[in-house]
């Protein structure tokens, strides 16, 4: 086998050693992922208490979209206990699973698969991981809060659903493209449970937005070195906190702006650890300490 943090392929999956109990990540591309770091640390901790977990290996596989079905079948045949999905597989994977929970169906996306005897069961730990990270890193819950969500893609859809489940006071969703925003609002309409949900364009007057809101960025804007933030925080009613779902780079344009304004802020590394802990708990049927995953990121110089 290649080294523990190598990027593997479909061919490596076909040659997976029988001695290893597999869990892993499918994506395209996937070389940047830190998931093997955090899962490897948690599995090593489990192995100190229960020896069988020493045989478990978490690996990241670069799987092209056209190979997803074959890769899922091969992983199941090789006895993999579970899988994470990242771009571009979170939505497409639902066509290949045996079953999916209500949240995954409502979000039209899954980031976690759990093995069943005859296939895969889909779920989504992204929303719960986001909530855990907001509490751990910024000391805020969402119940009764106003939330401003930036973006209307797959990540934003899962975040919006979790906000509604948490019982937010209001949810404001902004996006640059109006068609995609309208599609997300229509998707959420039967799921709001009476919570006010409103959309706004990034060029719409920002004074309409609530002050003291929790701002969550689910866009890719500002990830490039010289890229601009999706919104100008200086022109918005002052938020309470700013949360960036991305973790690479660790400081985005939006987070730089938040720091300049003295706003509490955090990137998505905490969300990575907490959603990972939730996934690994499903596969191992053991409680997982997200703090061990965070410590692995610190030890590797990632935070």
Protein backbone atom coordinates (compact mmCIF):
# COMPACT_ATOMS: atom_id res chain seq x y z
CA UNK A 1 0.00 0.00 0.00
CA UNK A 2 1.15 3.60 -0.58
CA UNK A 3 1.83 5.81 2.43
CA UNK A 4 -1.12 6.51 4.71
CA UNK A 5 -1.83 10.01 3.35
CA UNK A 6 -1.30 9.25 -0.36
CA UNK A 7 -3.98 9.96 -2.91
CA UNK A 8 -5.20 6.58 -4.19
CA UNK A 9 -7.10 5.58 -7.31
CA UNK A 10 -9.72 3.09 -8.45
CA UNK A 11 -6.91 0.64 -9.20
CA UNK A 12 -5.68 0.91 -5.61
CA UNK A 13 -9.21 0.25 -4.42
CA UNK A 14 -9.33 -2.93 -6.46
CA UNK A 15 -6.06 -4.02 -4.82
CA UNK A 16 -7.07 -3.10 -1.26
CA UNK A 17 -5.44 -5.57 1.19
CA UNK A 18 -7.83 -7.99 2.87
CA UNK A 19 -6.00 -7.40 6.17
CA UNK A 20 -7.17 -3.77 6.31
CA UNK A 21 -10.66 -2.70 7.31
CA UNK A 22 -11.39 0.13 4.91
CA UNK A 23 -12.99 3.52 5.40
CA UNK A 24 -12.26 6.47 3.19
CA UNK A 25 -13.06 9.46 1.04
CA UNK A 26 -14.10 9.65 -2.61
CA UNK A 27 -13.61 12.93 -4.45
CA UNK A 28 -12.29 14.46 -7.67
CA UNK A 29 -9.86 16.08 -6.99
CA UNK A 30 -9.06 14.97 -3.47
CA UNK A 31 -5.30 15.42 -2.93
CA UNK A 32 -5.83 18.52 -0.76
CA UNK A 33 -8.05 16.72 1.76
CA UNK A 34 -7.01 16.54 5.41
CA UNK A 35 -9.55 13.82 6.21
CA UNK A 36 -6.91 11.04 6.48
CA UNK A 37 -5.08 13.13 9.10
CA UNK A 38 -8.08 13.48 11.40
CA UNK A 39 -9.53 10.00 10.91
CA UNK A 40 -6.12 8.38 11.29
CA UNK A 41 -5.62 10.11 14.64
CA UNK A 42 -9.05 9.08 15.93
CA UNK A 43 -8.58 5.47 14.79
CA UNK A 44 -5.16 5.32 16.46
CA UNK A 45 -6.78 6.50 19.69
CA UNK A 46 -9.51 3.85 19.40
CA UNK A 47 -6.87 1.17 18.82
CA UNK A 48 -5.26 1.94 22.18
CA UNK A 49 -8.46 0.72 23.85
CA UNK A 50 -9.74 -1.85 21.36
CA UNK A 51 -7.06 -3.73 19.42
CA UNK A 52 -9.20 -4.60 16.35
CA UNK A 53 -9.26 -0.92 15.34
CA UNK A 54 -5.52 -1.14 14.62
CA UNK A 55 -6.49 -2.85 11.35
CA UNK A 56 -8.69 0.05 10.21
CA UNK A 57 -7.33 2.35 7.51
CA UNK A 58 -8.79 5.63 6.21
CA UNK A 59 -7.68 6.51 2.68
CA UNK A 60 -8.58 9.16 0.13
CA UNK A 61 -9.41 8.04 -3.41
CA UNK A 62 -9.50 10.24 -6.48
CA UNK A 63 -12.53 8.84 -8.29
CA UNK A 64 -13.70 10.36 -11.59
CA UNK A 65 -17.46 10.99 -11.82
CA UNK A 66 -17.92 8.28 -14.44
CA UNK A 67 -16.25 5.74 -12.11
CA UNK A 68 -18.32 6.47 -9.00
CA UNK A 69 -20.71 3.54 -9.35
CA UNK A 70 -17.91 1.06 -10.00
CA UNK A 71 -15.89 2.43 -7.08
CA UNK A 72 -18.82 2.10 -4.69
CA UNK A 73 -19.43 -1.48 -5.75
CA UNK A 74 -15.73 -2.32 -5.39
CA UNK A 75 -15.49 -0.71 -1.94
CA UNK A 76 -18.50 -2.72 -0.78
CA UNK A 77 -17.05 -5.94 -2.18
CA UNK A 78 -13.79 -5.18 -0.34
CA UNK A 79 -15.65 -4.88 2.94
CA UNK A 80 -15.32 -1.12 3.48
CA UNK A 81 -17.31 -0.05 6.54
CA UNK A 82 -18.01 3.49 5.38
CA UNK A 83 -17.17 6.30 3.00
CA UNK A 84 -17.13 10.07 2.90
CA UNK A 85 -18.02 11.93 -0.29
CA UNK A 86 -16.75 15.31 -1.41
CA UNK A 87 -17.01 17.35 -4.61
CA UNK A 88 -18.35 16.34 -7.11
CA UNK A 89 -19.94 13.18 -5.67
CA UNK A 90 -22.22 14.43 -2.87
CA UNK A 91 -25.27 14.77 -5.10
CA UNK A 92 -24.53 12.06 -7.65
CA UNK A 93 -24.03 9.38 -5.00
CA UNK A 94 -27.73 9.30 -4.15
CA UNK A 95 -28.39 7.49 -7.43
CA UNK A 96 -26.12 4.65 -6.29
CA UNK A 97 -27.23 3.98 -2.71
CA UNK A 98 -29.64 1.47 -1.27
CA UNK A 99 -31.27 3.99 1.08
CA UNK A 100 -30.88 7.56 2.34
CA UNK A 101 -32.08 9.36 5.45
CA UNK A 102 -34.56 12.24 5.34
CA UNK A 103 -31.90 14.94 5.65
CA UNK A 104 -29.87 13.63 2.70
CA UNK A 105 -32.98 13.39 0.57
CA UNK A 106 -34.07 16.92 1.51
CA UNK A 107 -30.57 18.27 0.88
CA UNK A 108 -30.23 16.20 -2.32
CA UNK A 109 -26.72 15.45 -1.09
CA UNK A 110 -24.86 13.03 1.16
CA UNK A 111 -21.34 13.24 2.55
CA UNK A 112 -21.35 9.91 4.42
CA UNK A 113 -22.17 6.32 3.46
CA UNK A 114 -22.64 3.53 5.98
CA UNK A 115 -22.28 -0.09 4.91
CA UNK A 116 -25.31 -2.37 4.93
CA UNK A 117 -25.13 -6.08 4.04
CA UNK A 118 -26.42 -5.39 0.53
CA UNK A 119 -25.35 -1.83 -0.26
CA UNK A 120 -24.87 1.66 1.17
CA UNK A 121 -27.03 3.88 3.38
CA UNK A 122 -26.56 7.62 2.80
CA UNK A 123 -26.55 10.31 5.45
CA UNK A 124 -25.12 13.80 5.86
CA UNK A 125 -22.97 14.94 8.79
CA UNK A 126 -22.07 18.35 7.32
CA UNK A 127 -24.93 20.23 8.97
CA UNK A 128 -24.36 18.71 12.39
CA UNK A 129 -20.62 19.31 12.06
CA UNK A 130 -21.29 22.97 11.26
CA UNK A 131 -23.44 23.36 14.39
CA UNK A 132 -20.81 21.64 16.55
CA UNK A 133 -18.09 23.93 15.18
CA UNK A 134 -20.12 27.10 15.70
CA UNK A 135 -20.59 26.15 19.34
CA UNK A 136 -16.99 25.04 19.90
CA UNK A 137 -15.19 27.80 17.99
CA UNK A 138 -17.50 30.79 18.37
CA UNK A 139 -19.68 29.91 21.33
CA UNK A 140 -22.95 30.36 19.45
CA UNK A 141 -25.96 28.18 18.79
CA UNK A 142 -28.49 28.98 16.10
CA UNK A 143 -31.80 28.56 17.91
CA UNK A 144 -33.57 31.90 17.94
CA UNK A 145 -30.79 33.62 15.94
CA UNK A 146 -30.95 35.49 12.67
CA UNK A 147 -28.72 33.81 10.09
CA UNK A 148 -27.31 35.25 6.88
CA UNK A 149 -26.21 32.40 4.61
CA UNK A 150 -24.01 33.24 1.63
CA UNK A 151 -24.37 30.91 -1.35
CA UNK A 152 -27.00 28.74 -3.01
CA UNK A 153 -25.09 25.61 -4.01
CA UNK A 154 -24.98 22.16 -2.45
CA UNK A 155 -23.10 23.25 0.69
CA UNK A 156 -25.54 26.11 1.21
CA UNK A 157 -28.53 23.80 0.79
CA UNK A 158 -27.33 21.50 3.57
CA UNK A 159 -26.49 24.50 5.78
CA UNK A 160 -29.92 26.05 5.17
CA UNK A 161 -31.71 22.83 6.11
CA UNK A 162 -29.68 22.54 9.31
CA UNK A 163 -30.50 26.16 10.18
CA UNK A 164 -34.20 25.38 9.85
CA UNK A 165 -33.85 22.25 11.98
CA UNK A 166 -32.06 24.29 14.66
CA UNK A 167 -34.98 26.71 14.92
CA UNK A 168 -33.42 29.96 13.68
CA UNK A 169 -35.43 33.17 14.04
CA UNK A 170 -34.95 34.06 10.38
CA UNK A 171 -32.85 32.87 7.46
CA UNK A 172 -31.53 35.22 4.80
CA UNK A 173 -29.89 33.57 1.79
CA UNK A 174 -27.73 35.60 -0.58
CA UNK A 175 -26.24 34.63 -3.92
CA UNK A 176 -24.78 36.31 -6.95
CA UNK A 177 -26.82 34.28 -9.45
CA UNK A 178 -30.55 34.92 -9.14
CA UNK A 179 -31.69 31.72 -10.87
CA UNK A 180 -29.82 29.45 -8.48
CA UNK A 181 -31.04 31.46 -5.51
CA UNK A 182 -34.64 31.20 -6.70
CA UNK A 183 -34.24 27.43 -7.11
CA UNK A 184 -32.95 27.05 -3.54
CA UNK A 185 -35.73 29.19 -2.09
CA UNK A 186 -38.31 27.10 -3.97
CA UNK A 187 -36.70 23.92 -2.67
CA UNK A 188 -36.85 25.18 0.92
CA UNK A 189 -40.38 26.59 0.75
CA UNK A 190 -42.18 23.41 1.92
CA UNK A 191 -39.56 22.80 4.62
CA UNK A 192 -39.50 26.11 6.50
CA UNK A 193 -42.06 25.19 9.16
CA UNK A 194 -43.07 28.84 9.36
CA UNK A 195 -39.54 30.24 9.72
CA UNK A 196 -39.12 33.41 7.61
CA UNK A 197 -36.75 32.66 4.74
CA UNK A 198 -35.80 35.47 2.38
CA UNK A 199 -33.38 35.78 -0.48
CA UNK A 200 -31.16 38.65 -1.50
CA UNK A 201 -28.72 39.32 -4.28
CA UNK A 202 -25.18 40.35 -3.41
CA UNK A 203 -25.86 43.66 -5.16
CA UNK A 204 -29.09 44.26 -3.20
CA UNK A 205 -29.04 47.02 -0.52
CA UNK A 206 -27.53 45.44 2.58
CA UNK A 207 -29.50 47.61 5.02
CA UNK A 208 -32.37 45.14 4.57
CA UNK A 209 -30.38 42.51 6.45
CA UNK A 210 -30.69 42.04 10.23
CA UNK A 211 -28.02 43.30 12.62
CA UNK A 212 -26.41 40.87 15.04
CA UNK A 213 -26.78 37.93 12.67
CA UNK A 214 -24.65 34.82 12.34
CA UNK A 215 -23.00 35.04 8.90
CA UNK A 216 -22.16 31.68 7.27
CA UNK A 217 -20.25 31.61 4.01
CA UNK A 218 -20.94 28.60 1.78
CA UNK A 219 -19.51 30.13 -1.41
CA UNK A 220 -16.07 29.68 -2.95
CA UNK A 221 -15.62 33.45 -3.26
CA UNK A 222 -12.45 34.77 -1.68
CA UNK A 223 -10.63 31.44 -1.58
CA UNK A 224 -8.07 32.50 -4.19
CA UNK A 225 -5.13 34.55 -2.93
CA UNK A 226 -6.34 37.79 -4.50
CA UNK A 227 -10.05 36.96 -4.59
CA UNK A 228 -12.70 39.23 -3.13
CA UNK A 229 -15.14 38.29 -0.39
CA UNK A 230 -18.69 37.50 -1.53
CA UNK A 231 -20.05 40.51 0.41
CA UNK A 232 -18.57 43.65 1.95
CA UNK A 233 -19.02 43.26 5.70
CA UNK A 234 -18.47 47.00 6.18
CA UNK A 235 -21.67 47.72 4.26
CA UNK A 236 -23.79 45.25 6.22
CA UNK A 237 -25.48 45.77 9.58
CA UNK A 238 -22.82 44.56 12.01
CA UNK A 239 -22.96 40.75 12.38
CA UNK A 240 -22.43 38.90 15.64
CA UNK A 241 -19.97 36.34 14.20
CA UNK A 242 -18.63 35.23 10.82
CA UNK A 243 -18.18 31.55 9.96
CA UNK A 244 -16.39 30.33 6.83
CA UNK A 245 -17.27 26.77 5.83
CA UNK A 246 -14.03 26.41 3.81
CA UNK A 247 -10.78 25.51 5.58
CA UNK A 248 -8.29 25.85 2.73
CA UNK A 249 -6.91 28.49 2.73
CA UNK A 250 -7.19 28.93 6.51
CA UNK A 251 -7.72 32.70 6.12
CA UNK A 252 -10.10 33.75 3.35
CA UNK A 253 -10.96 37.24 2.14
CA UNK A 254 -14.13 37.21 4.25
CA UNK A 255 -12.22 36.21 7.38
CA UNK A 256 -9.62 38.92 6.78
CA UNK A 257 -12.42 41.45 6.57
CA UNK A 258 -14.01 40.07 9.75
CA UNK A 259 -10.70 40.34 11.61
CA UNK A 260 -10.24 43.94 10.44
CA UNK A 261 -13.67 44.80 11.86
CA UNK A 262 -12.98 43.04 15.16
CA UNK A 263 -15.70 40.43 14.55
CA UNK A 264 -15.42 36.94 16.09
CA UNK A 265 -14.72 34.55 13.22
CA UNK A 266 -13.68 30.99 12.41
CA UNK A 267 -12.86 28.88 9.38
CA UNK A 268 -14.13 25.40 8.53
CA UNK A 269 -11.40 23.31 10.16
CA UNK A 270 -13.60 22.81 13.20
CA UNK A 271 -16.46 21.75 10.95
CA UNK A 272 -14.12 19.28 9.23
CA UNK A 273 -13.23 17.70 12.57
CA UNK A 274 -16.78 17.59 13.91
CA UNK A 275 -18.42 16.21 10.77
CA UNK A 276 -15.59 13.67 10.59
CA UNK A 277 -16.19 12.63 14.19
CA UNK A 278 -19.86 12.12 13.44
CA UNK A 279 -19.06 9.98 10.38
CA UNK A 280 -16.50 7.84 12.19
CA UNK A 281 -18.92 7.29 15.08
CA UNK A 282 -21.45 5.87 12.62
CA UNK A 283 -18.90 3.46 11.13
CA UNK A 284 -17.26 2.30 14.36
CA UNK A 285 -20.37 2.46 16.57
CA UNK A 286 -18.14 4.15 19.16
CA UNK A 287 -18.14 7.72 20.52
CA UNK A 288 -15.46 9.80 18.81
CA UNK A 289 -13.72 12.77 20.41
CA UNK A 290 -13.50 15.58 17.86
CA UNK A 291 -10.82 17.13 20.07
CA UNK A 292 -8.42 14.36 19.02
CA UNK A 293 -9.05 15.26 15.40
CA UNK A 294 -8.45 18.95 16.13
CA UNK A 295 -5.23 18.08 17.94
CA UNK A 296 -4.03 16.17 14.86
CA UNK A 297 -4.59 19.27 12.74
CA UNK A 298 -2.67 21.41 15.21
CA UNK A 299 0.14 18.89 15.42
CA UNK A 300 0.43 18.86 11.64
CA UNK A 301 0.59 22.64 11.50
CA UNK A 302 -2.77 22.97 9.72
CA UNK A 303 -4.24 25.33 12.36
